Amino acid sequence: MTLSWWPRCREVLRAYFAREHGLLGAPGLEVGTWSDVTGSRVLATTYQNTSGRKRRVSAYLTGSGTARAGIECKVGSADPPTLIVSKQENSIAASSGLTHIVSAYFEVPTNYYYRIASTVGTETLTSWSELDEYRKGGRLEYSRTGAD
């Protein structure tokens, strides 16, 4: 089924958001495209943002069976990073057969280090995506692979 109304609706929502938040026509808005980097990332490993752009990071971990799940994200100008920028942990174990999902979202300045680690120790990395922002003058744009 084709949603012929969606492109127009999306533009109206963008315009409303821009007007309400004073972004309409603002130069230098940051945009980019999310990339799934799950296959090239390992938990509790430090990475450095050498892209020359601010990086946004989004990750999901799962704990299945009776395991709890927890995630902790750190950012810093030196390796290892020490500033905790996101932390979430389920305090109650799931019933057998159920799954806990924990997520994190944070930003990494250029040349900074970052790492994501599990806090319980039994989690599985389900998804890790990154977006390197770039400047685009005057238009409010945001792109996510497969979101349209």
C-alpha atoms as a PDB file:
ATOM      1  CA  MET A   1       0.000   0.000   0.000  1.00  0.00           C
ATOM      2  CA  THR A   2       1.360   3.430  -0.943  1.00  0.00           C
ATOM      3  CA  LEU A   3       0.965   6.264   1.525  1.00  0.00           C
ATOM      4  CA  SER A   4       0.651   9.138  -0.920  1.00  0.00           C
ATOM      5  CA  TRP A   5      -0.106  11.594   1.891  1.00  0.00           C
ATOM      6  CA  TRP A   6       3.035  10.799   3.922  1.00  0.00           C
ATOM      7  CA  PRO A   7       5.580  13.022   2.083  1.00  0.00           C
ATOM      8  CA  ARG A   8       3.359  16.080   2.461  1.00  0.00           C
ATOM      9  CA  CYS A   9       2.528  15.242   6.084  1.00  0.00           C
ATOM     10  CA  ARG A  10       6.224  14.869   6.864  1.00  0.00           C
ATOM     11  CA  GLU A  11       6.996  18.288   5.340  1.00  0.00           C
ATOM     12  CA  VAL A  12       4.177  19.902   7.358  1.00  0.00           C
ATOM     13  CA  LEU A  13       5.490  18.344  10.572  1.00  0.00           C
ATOM     14  CA  ARG A  14       9.036  19.499   9.815  1.00  0.00           C
ATOM     15  CA  ALA A  15       7.828  23.037   9.128  1.00  0.00           C
ATOM     16  CA  TYR A  16       5.778  23.073  12.344  1.00  0.00           C
ATOM     17  CA  PHE A  17       8.729  21.811  14.399  1.00  0.00           C
ATOM     18  CA  ALA A  18      11.062  24.336  12.803  1.00  0.00           C
ATOM     19  CA  ARG A  19       8.660  27.221  13.455  1.00  0.00           C
ATOM     20  CA  GLU A  20       7.952  26.201  17.050  1.00  0.00           C
ATOM     21  CA  HIS A  21      11.631  25.807  17.870  1.00  0.00           C
ATOM     22  CA  GLY A  22      12.936  28.781  15.911  1.00  0.00           C
ATOM     23  CA  LEU A  23      14.788  26.674  13.361  1.00  0.00           C
ATOM     24  CA  LEU A  24      13.065  27.770  10.163  1.00  0.00           C
ATOM     25  CA  GLY A  25      15.700  29.162   7.837  1.00  0.00           C
ATOM     26  CA  ALA A  26      18.423  28.772  10.435  1.00  0.00           C
ATOM     27  CA  PRO A  27      21.805  28.290   8.788  1.00  0.00           C
ATOM     28  CA  GLY A  28      23.990  25.326   9.616  1.00  0.00           C
ATOM     29  CA  LEU A  29      21.475  22.700  10.702  1.00  0.00           C
ATOM     30  CA  GLU A  30      23.065  19.322  11.328  1.00  0.00           C
ATOM     31  CA  VAL A  31      21.972  16.341   9.250  1.00  0.00           C
ATOM     32  CA  GLY A  32      23.205  12.891   8.333  1.00  0.00           C
ATOM     33  CA  THR A  33      22.254   9.280   7.671  1.00  0.00           C
ATOM     34  CA  TRP A  34      22.216   6.497  10.267  1.00  0.00           C
ATOM     35  CA  SER A  35      24.492   3.534   9.547  1.00  0.00           C
ATOM     36  CA  ASP A  36      24.154   0.108  11.130  1.00  0.00           C
ATOM     37  CA  VAL A  37      27.641  -0.702  12.471  1.00  0.00           C
ATOM     38  CA  THR A  38      26.596  -3.634  14.681  1.00  0.00           C
ATOM     39  CA  GLY A  39      28.824  -6.100  12.808  1.00  0.00           C
ATOM     40  CA  SER A  40      31.946  -4.009  13.367  1.00  0.00           C
ATOM     41  CA  ARG A  41      31.419  -3.085  17.039  1.00  0.00           C
ATOM     42  CA  VAL A  42      32.226  -5.005  20.208  1.00  0.00           C
ATOM     43  CA  LEU A  43      30.973  -4.226  23.709  1.00  0.00           C
ATOM     44  CA  ALA A  44      33.509  -2.869  26.230  1.00  0.00           C
ATOM     45  CA  THR A  45      35.828  -1.718  23.437  1.00  0.00           C
ATOM     46  CA  THR A  46      36.893   1.915  23.118  1.00  0.00           C
ATOM     47  CA  TYR A  47      36.416   3.679  19.778  1.00  0.00           C
ATOM     48  CA  GLN A  48      37.451   7.162  18.665  1.00  0.00           C
ATOM     49  CA  ASN A  49      35.372   9.539  16.566  1.00  0.00           C
ATOM     50  CA  THR A  50      37.865  10.597  13.890  1.00  0.00           C
ATOM     51  CA  SER A  51      35.204  11.601  11.349  1.00  0.00           C
ATOM     52  CA  GLY A  52      35.714  15.326  11.875  1.00  0.00           C
ATOM     53  CA  ARG A  53      31.993  15.573  12.673  1.00  0.00           C
ATOM     54  CA  LYS A  54      29.835  15.168  15.756  1.00  0.00           C
ATOM     55  CA  ARG A  55      28.688  11.541  15.993  1.00  0.00           C
ATOM     56  CA  ARG A  56      25.360  10.323  17.327  1.00  0.00           C
ATOM     57  CA  VAL A  57      25.291   6.764  18.679  1.00  0.00           C
ATOM     58  CA  SER A  58      22.279   4.555  19.358  1.00  0.00           C
ATOM     59  CA  ALA A  59      22.513   1.027  20.763  1.00  0.00           C
ATOM     60  CA  TYR A  60      20.274  -1.762  22.055  1.00  0.00           C
ATOM     61  CA  LEU A  61      21.277  -4.702  24.230  1.00  0.00           C
ATOM     62  CA  THR A  62      19.112  -7.665  25.202  1.00  0.00           C
ATOM     63  CA  GLY A  63      19.139 -10.045  28.127  1.00  0.00           C
ATOM     64  CA  SER A  64      17.075 -13.186  27.660  1.00  0.00           C
ATOM     65  CA  GLY A  65      15.805 -15.986  29.846  1.00  0.00           C
ATOM     66  CA  THR A  66      16.013 -14.944  33.477  1.00  0.00           C
ATOM     67  CA  ALA A  67      18.912 -12.537  32.866  1.00  0.00           C
ATOM     68  CA  ARG A  68      18.684  -8.854  33.601  1.00  0.00           C
ATOM     69  CA  ALA A  69      20.102  -6.335  31.140  1.00  0.00           C
ATOM     70  CA  GLY A  70      22.129  -3.180  31.586  1.00  0.00           C
ATOM     71  CA  ILE A  71      24.021  -0.726  29.399  1.00  0.00           C
ATOM     72  CA  GLU A  72      26.557   1.985  30.234  1.00  0.00           C
ATOM     73  CA  CYS A  73      28.010   4.483  27.755  1.00  0.00           C
ATOM     74  CA  LYS A  74      31.071   6.625  28.376  1.00  0.00           C
ATOM     75  CA  VAL A  75      32.619   9.499  26.432  1.00  0.00           C
ATOM     76  CA  GLY A  76      35.896  11.328  27.004  1.00  0.00           C
ATOM     77  CA  SER A  77      38.758  13.250  25.449  1.00  0.00           C
ATOM     78  CA  ALA A  78      41.223  10.558  26.565  1.00  0.00           C
ATOM     79  CA  ASP A  79      41.326   6.770  26.357  1.00  0.00           C
ATOM     80  CA  PRO A  80      39.691   5.244  28.329  1.00  0.00           C
ATOM     81  CA  PRO A  81      36.653   7.552  28.433  1.00  0.00           C
ATOM     82  CA  THR A  82      35.340   8.171  31.961  1.00  0.00           C
ATOM     83  CA  LEU A  83      32.246  10.398  31.671  1.00  0.00           C
ATOM     84  CA  ILE A  84      29.067   8.305  31.917  1.00  0.00           C
ATOM     85  CA  VAL A  85      26.627   9.849  29.431  1.00  0.00           C
ATOM     86  CA  SER A  86      23.956   7.144  29.426  1.00  0.00           C
ATOM     87  CA  LYS A  87      23.150   4.266  31.762  1.00  0.00           C
ATOM     88  CA  GLN A  88      20.149   1.975  32.030  1.00  0.00           C
ATOM     89  CA  GLU A  89      19.622  -1.264  33.904  1.00  0.00           C
ATOM     90  CA  ASN A  90      16.606  -3.474  34.470  1.00  0.00           C
ATOM     91  CA  SER A  91      16.366  -4.218  38.176  1.00  0.00           C
ATOM     92  CA  ILE A  92      14.043  -7.204  37.868  1.00  0.00           C
ATOM     93  CA  ALA A  93      14.995 -10.388  36.058  1.00  0.00           C
ATOM     94  CA  ALA A  94      12.691 -11.454  33.229  1.00  0.00           C
ATOM     95  CA  SER A  95      10.621 -14.587  33.487  1.00  0.00           C
ATOM     96  CA  SER A  96      11.914 -17.546  31.545  1.00  0.00           C
ATOM     97  CA  GLY A  97      11.446 -17.025  27.815  1.00  0.00           C
ATOM     98  CA  LEU A  98      11.069 -13.242  28.036  1.00  0.00           C
ATOM     99  CA  THR A  99      13.603 -10.664  26.940  1.00  0.00           C
ATOM    100  CA  HIS A 100      14.806  -7.426  28.537  1.00  0.00           C
ATOM    101  CA  ILE A 101      15.834  -4.664  26.160  1.00  0.00           C
ATOM    102  CA  VAL A 102      17.960  -1.710  27.242  1.00  0.00           C
ATOM    103  CA  SER A 103      18.883   1.170  24.990  1.00  0.00           C
ATOM    104  CA  ALA A 104      21.152   4.188  24.912  1.00  0.00           C
ATOM    105  CA  TYR A 105      21.567   7.300  22.805  1.00  0.00           C
ATOM    106  CA  PHE A 106      24.410   9.778  23.115  1.00  0.00           C
ATOM    107  CA  GLU A 107      26.582  12.195  21.138  1.00  0.00           C
ATOM    108  CA  VAL A 108      30.349  12.098  20.692  1.00  0.00           C
ATOM    109  CA  PRO A 109      32.344  15.229  19.803  1.00  0.00           C
ATOM    110  CA  THR A 110      34.981  14.926  17.107  1.00  0.00           C
ATOM    111  CA  ASN A 111      38.244  13.261  18.233  1.00  0.00           C
ATOM    112  CA  TYR A 112      36.627  12.048  21.495  1.00  0.00           C
ATOM    113  CA  TYR A 113      36.628   8.429  22.630  1.00  0.00           C
ATOM    114  CA  TYR A 114      33.517   6.413  23.433  1.00  0.00           C
ATOM    115  CA  ARG A 115      32.564   2.954  24.602  1.00  0.00           C
ATOM    116  CA  ILE A 116      29.446   0.947  25.348  1.00  0.00           C
ATOM    117  CA  ALA A 117      29.561  -1.817  27.936  1.00  0.00           C
ATOM    118  CA  SER A 118      27.096  -4.181  29.520  1.00  0.00           C
ATOM    119  CA  THR A 119      26.600  -3.701  33.254  1.00  0.00           C
ATOM    120  CA  VAL A 120      25.236  -7.144  34.076  1.00  0.00           C
ATOM    121  CA  GLY A 121      27.526  -9.182  31.846  1.00  0.00           C
ATOM    122  CA  THR A 122      25.034 -11.427  30.072  1.00  0.00           C
ATOM    123  CA  GLU A 123      23.670  -9.022  27.472  1.00  0.00           C
ATOM    124  CA  THR A 124      23.803  -9.470  23.725  1.00  0.00           C
ATOM    125  CA  LEU A 125      24.501  -6.558  21.398  1.00  0.00           C
ATOM    126  CA  THR A 126      21.364  -6.329  19.277  1.00  0.00           C
ATOM    127  CA  SER A 127      21.888  -3.072  17.419  1.00  0.00           C
ATOM    128  CA  TRP A 128      24.529  -0.329  17.209  1.00  0.00           C
ATOM    129  CA  SER A 129      23.950   2.574  14.822  1.00  0.00           C
ATOM    130  CA  GLU A 130      25.924   5.750  14.236  1.00  0.00           C
ATOM    131  CA  LEU A 131      25.276   9.019  12.460  1.00  0.00           C
ATOM    132  CA  ASP A 132      28.035  11.480  11.577  1.00  0.00           C
ATOM    133  CA  GLU A 133      26.435  14.904  11.256  1.00  0.00           C
ATOM    134  CA  TYR A 134      27.225  17.459   8.619  1.00  0.00           C
ATOM    135  CA  ARG A 135      26.131  21.053   8.209  1.00  0.00           C
ATOM    136  CA  LYS A 136      23.364  22.005   5.824  1.00  0.00           C
ATOM    137  CA  GLY A 137      22.332  25.635   5.657  1.00  0.00           C
ATOM    138  CA  GLY A 138      18.741  26.808   5.764  1.00  0.00           C
ATOM    139  CA  ARG A 139      16.823  23.519   5.503  1.00  0.00           C
ATOM    140  CA  LEU A 140      15.606  21.262   8.256  1.00  0.00           C
ATOM    141  CA  GLU A 141      16.518  17.785   7.070  1.00  0.00           C
ATOM    142  CA  TYR A 142      16.994  14.483   8.794  1.00  0.00           C
ATOM    143  CA  SER A 143      17.639  11.151   7.169  1.00  0.00           C
ATOM    144  CA  ARG A 144      17.607   7.635   8.530  1.00  0.00           C
ATOM    145  CA  THR A 145      18.284   4.708   6.266  1.00  0.00           C
ATOM    146  CA  GLY A 146      15.041   2.811   5.631  1.00  0.00           C
ATOM    147  CA  ALA A 147      12.873   5.235   7.654  1.00  0.00           C
ATOM    148  CA  ASP A 148      11.007   6.765   4.693  1.00  0.00           C
END
